[in-house]
């Protein structure tokens, strides 16, 4: 192994962008399997292939969307597995690498009726729900907060996964996670409300359901009251007809919110004072 020219070895990964669509998917699948094997020993994991997976993800992100979606179908499962690793350092490295890739991916505009952003951010949702480490869940909230503030103009279908993460955080057993997540939701509603309703009216439903979850959080009455106040703000926008381009679809969103938490969403059916 010592006789291997590292420069030549690195060319294999740099040149991966020249592989055809089937070859790159196979290459990523094999590299992910090798990396998982390297990380199997939680006491002494090897991260060489993990770092290379991040590199080839950067090199191949410019591929056409359909090819990239096949690549990401492999990588998303990989990042979920590594993000839930018992070795905290490895898991945090994986989540931070996922953040870097997401930031780069969100630089690209998403075409209407596509859900690539939502698919890309899905690993954050799964790891948030499955990880037992408070540090990992906190890191995910901080990563999404950074993405919202830096790429809010480009987020389209990605709002769905973001709200799913924050909704999960609302019921977290750690009060710090609840507070941190709600601080981000507060910024989104106060400063970027127009962005979450400009693509699909269902995004408004996701926002409402997320706020409902915070009204039911078990840790902070202050957060619950503030979430209720933001629900009233959403009710005002709804009454003004300012939600999306298809207002006739909105009553269904309200019905869904009532089904999930009827005691909390009553303000949506009332005119604001």
Protein backbone atom coordinates (compact mmCIF):
# COMPACT_ATOMS: atom_id res chain seq x y z
CA UNK A 1 0.00 0.00 0.00
CA UNK A 2 2.88 2.36 0.74
CA UNK A 3 3.98 2.08 -2.89
CA UNK A 4 0.66 3.44 -4.16
CA UNK A 5 0.96 6.92 -5.67
CA UNK A 6 -1.59 9.01 -3.73
CA UNK A 7 -1.73 11.57 -6.54
CA UNK A 8 -2.77 8.87 -9.00
CA UNK A 9 -5.23 7.49 -6.47
CA UNK A 10 -6.86 10.89 -6.03
CA UNK A 11 -7.28 11.16 -9.79
CA UNK A 12 -9.68 8.23 -9.60
CA UNK A 13 -12.04 10.32 -7.48
CA UNK A 14 -11.48 13.61 -9.30
CA UNK A 15 -12.15 11.91 -12.63
CA UNK A 16 -15.35 10.28 -11.40
CA UNK A 17 -17.30 13.08 -13.09
CA UNK A 18 -16.29 11.53 -16.43
CA UNK A 19 -18.01 8.22 -15.71
CA UNK A 20 -21.30 7.52 -17.45
CA UNK A 21 -24.53 7.49 -15.48
CA UNK A 22 -24.57 3.76 -14.70
CA UNK A 23 -20.88 3.66 -13.85
CA UNK A 24 -21.01 6.54 -11.38
CA UNK A 25 -23.97 5.00 -9.55
CA UNK A 26 -22.09 1.70 -9.24
CA UNK A 27 -18.94 3.51 -8.13
CA UNK A 28 -20.82 5.40 -5.41
CA UNK A 29 -22.59 2.25 -4.25
CA UNK A 30 -19.30 0.34 -3.91
CA UNK A 31 -17.53 3.21 -2.17
CA UNK A 32 -20.39 3.57 0.30
CA UNK A 33 -20.22 -0.15 1.10
CA UNK A 34 -16.46 0.08 1.68
CA UNK A 35 -16.90 3.12 3.92
CA UNK A 36 -19.52 1.41 6.05
CA UNK A 37 -17.13 -1.50 6.48
CA UNK A 38 -14.36 0.90 7.52
CA UNK A 39 -16.65 2.49 10.10
CA UNK A 40 -17.89 -0.81 11.49
CA UNK A 41 -15.47 -0.72 14.43
CA UNK A 42 -16.83 2.17 16.50
CA UNK A 43 -13.68 2.23 18.66
CA UNK A 44 -11.26 2.72 15.77
CA UNK A 45 -13.18 3.83 12.66
CA UNK A 46 -11.43 4.74 9.44
CA UNK A 47 -12.83 7.77 7.63
CA UNK A 48 -10.84 7.69 4.37
CA UNK A 49 -13.74 6.52 2.22
CA UNK A 50 -16.13 8.84 4.04
CA UNK A 51 -14.03 11.84 3.04
CA UNK A 52 -13.86 10.56 -0.54
CA UNK A 53 -17.63 10.17 -0.68
CA UNK A 54 -17.97 13.83 0.23
CA UNK A 55 -15.46 14.74 -2.47
CA UNK A 56 -17.10 12.77 -5.27
CA UNK A 57 -20.46 14.21 -4.24
CA UNK A 58 -19.06 17.67 -4.89
CA UNK A 59 -17.48 16.59 -8.18
CA UNK A 60 -20.71 15.03 -9.50
CA UNK A 61 -23.34 17.44 -8.24
CA UNK A 62 -23.40 19.14 -11.63
CA UNK A 63 -24.83 16.08 -13.35
CA UNK A 64 -28.36 16.20 -14.77
CA UNK A 65 -31.03 15.91 -12.08
CA UNK A 66 -32.22 12.42 -13.00
CA UNK A 67 -28.70 10.97 -12.73
CA UNK A 68 -28.03 12.87 -9.54
CA UNK A 69 -31.25 11.54 -8.00
CA UNK A 70 -29.97 7.98 -8.60
CA UNK A 71 -26.67 8.86 -6.94
CA UNK A 72 -28.43 10.48 -4.02
CA UNK A 73 -30.71 7.49 -3.51
CA UNK A 74 -27.53 5.62 -2.52
CA UNK A 75 -25.86 8.44 -0.62
CA UNK A 76 -28.92 9.41 1.42
CA UNK A 77 -29.12 5.93 2.95
CA UNK A 78 -25.38 6.05 3.54
CA UNK A 79 -25.50 9.38 5.38
CA UNK A 80 -28.44 8.19 7.47
CA UNK A 81 -26.47 5.11 8.55
CA UNK A 82 -23.33 7.11 9.36
CA UNK A 83 -25.27 9.94 11.02
CA UNK A 84 -26.69 7.41 13.48
CA UNK A 85 -23.27 5.91 14.22
CA UNK A 86 -22.51 5.29 17.92
CA UNK A 87 -19.16 7.04 17.44
CA UNK A 88 -20.13 10.66 18.06
CA UNK A 89 -17.17 12.17 16.21
CA UNK A 90 -17.92 10.18 13.06
CA UNK A 91 -21.64 10.96 13.21
CA UNK A 92 -20.98 14.68 13.64
CA UNK A 93 -18.55 14.63 10.73
CA UNK A 94 -21.20 12.97 8.55
CA UNK A 95 -23.90 15.49 9.50
CA UNK A 96 -21.55 18.43 8.93
CA UNK A 97 -20.53 16.97 5.56
CA UNK A 98 -24.21 16.64 4.70
CA UNK A 99 -24.64 20.31 5.61
CA UNK A 100 -21.82 21.32 3.25
CA UNK A 101 -23.32 19.32 0.40
CA UNK A 102 -26.80 20.74 1.08
CA UNK A 103 -25.48 24.30 1.07
CA UNK A 104 -23.90 23.67 -2.31
CA UNK A 105 -26.99 21.92 -3.65
CA UNK A 106 -29.24 24.79 -2.57
CA UNK A 107 -27.18 27.20 -4.67
CA UNK A 108 -29.10 25.81 -7.65
CA UNK A 109 -32.65 26.89 -8.35
CA UNK A 110 -35.26 24.15 -8.30
CA UNK A 111 -37.71 23.84 -11.17
CA UNK A 112 -41.44 23.85 -10.50
CA UNK A 113 -43.05 20.49 -9.65
CA UNK A 114 -39.72 18.91 -8.71
CA UNK A 115 -38.84 17.66 -5.23
CA UNK A 116 -35.07 17.19 -5.43
CA UNK A 117 -34.49 19.54 -2.49
CA UNK A 118 -36.91 17.63 -0.30
CA UNK A 119 -35.21 14.35 -1.23
CA UNK A 120 -31.78 15.84 -0.57
CA UNK A 121 -32.69 17.06 2.91
CA UNK A 122 -34.55 13.88 3.91
CA UNK A 123 -31.50 12.37 5.73
CA UNK A 124 -31.66 15.25 8.23
CA UNK A 125 -35.24 14.23 9.06
CA UNK A 126 -34.44 10.56 9.56
CA UNK A 127 -31.31 11.17 11.64
CA UNK A 128 -33.17 13.75 13.74
CA UNK A 129 -35.82 11.14 14.54
CA UNK A 130 -33.47 8.21 15.12
CA UNK A 131 -30.36 9.63 16.76
CA UNK A 132 -30.07 9.16 20.50
CA UNK A 133 -27.29 11.76 20.79
CA UNK A 134 -28.37 15.24 21.87
CA UNK A 135 -25.25 16.65 20.22
CA UNK A 136 -26.31 15.27 16.83
CA UNK A 137 -29.86 16.59 17.09
CA UNK A 138 -28.57 20.01 18.13
CA UNK A 139 -26.10 20.03 15.23
CA UNK A 140 -28.92 19.24 12.78
CA UNK A 141 -30.97 22.19 14.04
CA UNK A 142 -27.98 24.50 13.74
CA UNK A 143 -27.23 23.21 10.23
CA UNK A 144 -30.78 23.83 9.03
CA UNK A 145 -30.82 27.25 10.66
CA UNK A 146 -27.68 28.17 8.75
CA UNK A 147 -29.15 26.86 5.50
CA UNK A 148 -32.36 28.86 5.94
CA UNK A 149 -30.52 32.09 6.60
CA UNK A 150 -27.99 31.59 3.79
CA UNK A 151 -30.16 30.03 1.04
CA UNK A 152 -33.72 31.13 1.82
CA UNK A 153 -34.23 32.59 -1.67
CA UNK A 154 -33.56 29.22 -3.29
CA UNK A 155 -35.48 26.92 -0.94
CA UNK A 156 -38.56 25.44 -2.62
CA UNK A 157 -39.58 21.83 -1.92
CA UNK A 158 -36.89 21.72 0.78
CA UNK A 159 -39.27 23.53 3.16
CA UNK A 160 -41.13 20.28 3.73
CA UNK A 161 -38.12 18.44 5.15
CA UNK A 162 -37.09 21.49 7.14
CA UNK A 163 -40.48 21.76 8.82
CA UNK A 164 -40.45 18.01 9.49
CA UNK A 165 -37.15 18.42 11.35
CA UNK A 166 -38.46 21.35 13.40
CA UNK A 167 -41.72 19.52 14.13
CA UNK A 168 -39.70 16.59 15.47
CA UNK A 169 -37.58 18.99 17.52
CA UNK A 170 -40.72 20.46 19.13
CA UNK A 171 -41.27 17.18 20.97
CA UNK A 172 -37.61 16.59 21.84
CA UNK A 173 -36.93 15.49 25.44
CA UNK A 174 -34.15 18.08 25.69
CA UNK A 175 -35.49 21.62 26.31
CA UNK A 176 -32.42 23.17 24.68
CA UNK A 177 -33.32 21.52 21.37
CA UNK A 178 -36.90 22.81 21.62
CA UNK A 179 -35.76 26.37 22.30
CA UNK A 180 -33.11 26.32 19.58
CA UNK A 181 -35.55 24.99 16.99
CA UNK A 182 -38.24 27.51 17.88
CA UNK A 183 -35.76 30.39 17.59
CA UNK A 184 -35.22 29.36 13.97
CA UNK A 185 -38.95 28.99 13.31
CA UNK A 186 -39.46 32.45 14.77
CA UNK A 187 -36.95 33.91 12.29
CA UNK A 188 -38.59 32.07 9.41
CA UNK A 189 -42.09 33.31 10.21
CA UNK A 190 -41.03 36.87 11.07
CA UNK A 191 -38.55 37.47 8.26
CA UNK A 192 -39.21 34.92 5.51
CA UNK A 193 -42.92 34.12 5.63
CA UNK A 194 -43.34 35.06 1.99
CA UNK A 195 -40.82 32.46 0.90
CA UNK A 196 -42.60 29.54 2.54
CA UNK A 197 -45.89 30.30 0.79
CA UNK A 198 -44.67 31.27 -2.68
CA UNK A 199 -44.27 27.74 -4.05
CA UNK A 200 -47.02 25.44 -2.75
CA UNK A 201 -49.94 26.05 -0.41
CA UNK A 202 -49.11 22.73 1.28
CA UNK A 203 -45.99 24.39 2.66
CA UNK A 204 -48.27 26.66 4.66
CA UNK A 205 -49.86 23.52 6.12
CA UNK A 206 -46.44 22.23 7.12
CA UNK A 207 -45.69 25.54 8.82
CA UNK A 208 -49.00 25.48 10.72
CA UNK A 209 -48.50 21.89 11.85
CA UNK A 210 -45.00 22.76 13.02
CA UNK A 211 -46.31 25.68 15.10
CA UNK A 212 -49.02 23.42 16.54
CA UNK A 213 -46.31 21.01 17.66
CA UNK A 214 -44.56 23.83 19.50
CA UNK A 215 -47.79 24.83 21.27
CA UNK A 216 -47.81 21.31 22.69
CA UNK A 217 -44.14 21.19 23.69
CA UNK A 218 -43.63 19.80 27.22
CA UNK A 219 -40.89 22.18 28.35
CA UNK A 220 -41.62 25.87 27.82
CA UNK A 221 -44.85 27.80 28.31
CA UNK A 222 -43.16 30.81 26.70
CA UNK A 223 -42.51 28.85 23.52
CA UNK A 224 -46.10 27.54 23.52
CA UNK A 225 -47.55 31.05 23.86
CA UNK A 226 -45.28 32.48 21.19
CA UNK A 227 -46.21 29.62 18.86
CA UNK A 228 -49.89 30.41 19.47
CA UNK A 229 -49.21 34.04 18.59
CA UNK A 230 -47.62 32.97 15.32
CA UNK A 231 -50.66 30.81 14.58
CA UNK A 232 -52.75 33.96 14.92
CA UNK A 233 -50.38 35.67 12.49
CA UNK A 234 -50.90 32.79 10.04
CA UNK A 235 -54.67 33.18 10.54
CA UNK A 236 -54.38 36.85 9.61
CA UNK A 237 -52.52 36.02 6.41
CA UNK A 238 -55.06 33.34 5.64
CA UNK A 239 -57.94 35.79 6.13
CA UNK A 240 -56.20 38.25 3.81
CA UNK A 241 -55.97 35.61 1.08
CA UNK A 242 -52.21 36.06 0.98
CA UNK A 243 -51.31 32.37 1.07
CA UNK A 244 -50.05 31.04 -2.25
CA UNK A 245 -51.69 31.29 -5.64
CA UNK A 246 -54.49 28.76 -5.03
CA UNK A 247 -56.53 30.04 -2.09
CA UNK A 248 -59.31 27.55 -2.84
CA UNK A 249 -56.94 24.77 -1.65
CA UNK A 250 -56.34 26.37 1.73
CA UNK A 251 -59.45 25.18 3.62
CA UNK A 252 -58.14 21.63 3.18
CA UNK A 253 -54.91 22.66 4.87
CA UNK A 254 -56.84 24.06 7.80
CA UNK A 255 -58.90 20.87 8.05
CA UNK A 256 -55.71 18.80 8.17
CA UNK A 257 -54.30 21.02 10.92
CA UNK A 258 -57.55 20.64 12.89
CA UNK A 259 -57.34 16.87 12.53
CA UNK A 260 -53.83 16.83 13.98
CA UNK A 261 -54.47 19.19 16.91
CA UNK A 262 -58.08 20.43 17.12
CA UNK A 263 -57.65 22.12 20.50
CA UNK A 264 -54.84 24.33 19.26
CA UNK A 265 -55.83 25.28 15.73
CA UNK A 266 -59.19 26.84 16.55
CA UNK A 267 -57.70 30.31 16.04
CA UNK A 268 -57.31 29.53 12.34
CA UNK A 269 -61.06 29.47 11.90
CA UNK A 270 -61.59 32.84 13.58
CA UNK A 271 -61.05 36.34 12.36
CA UNK A 272 -58.12 37.99 14.16
CA UNK A 273 -59.22 40.66 16.62
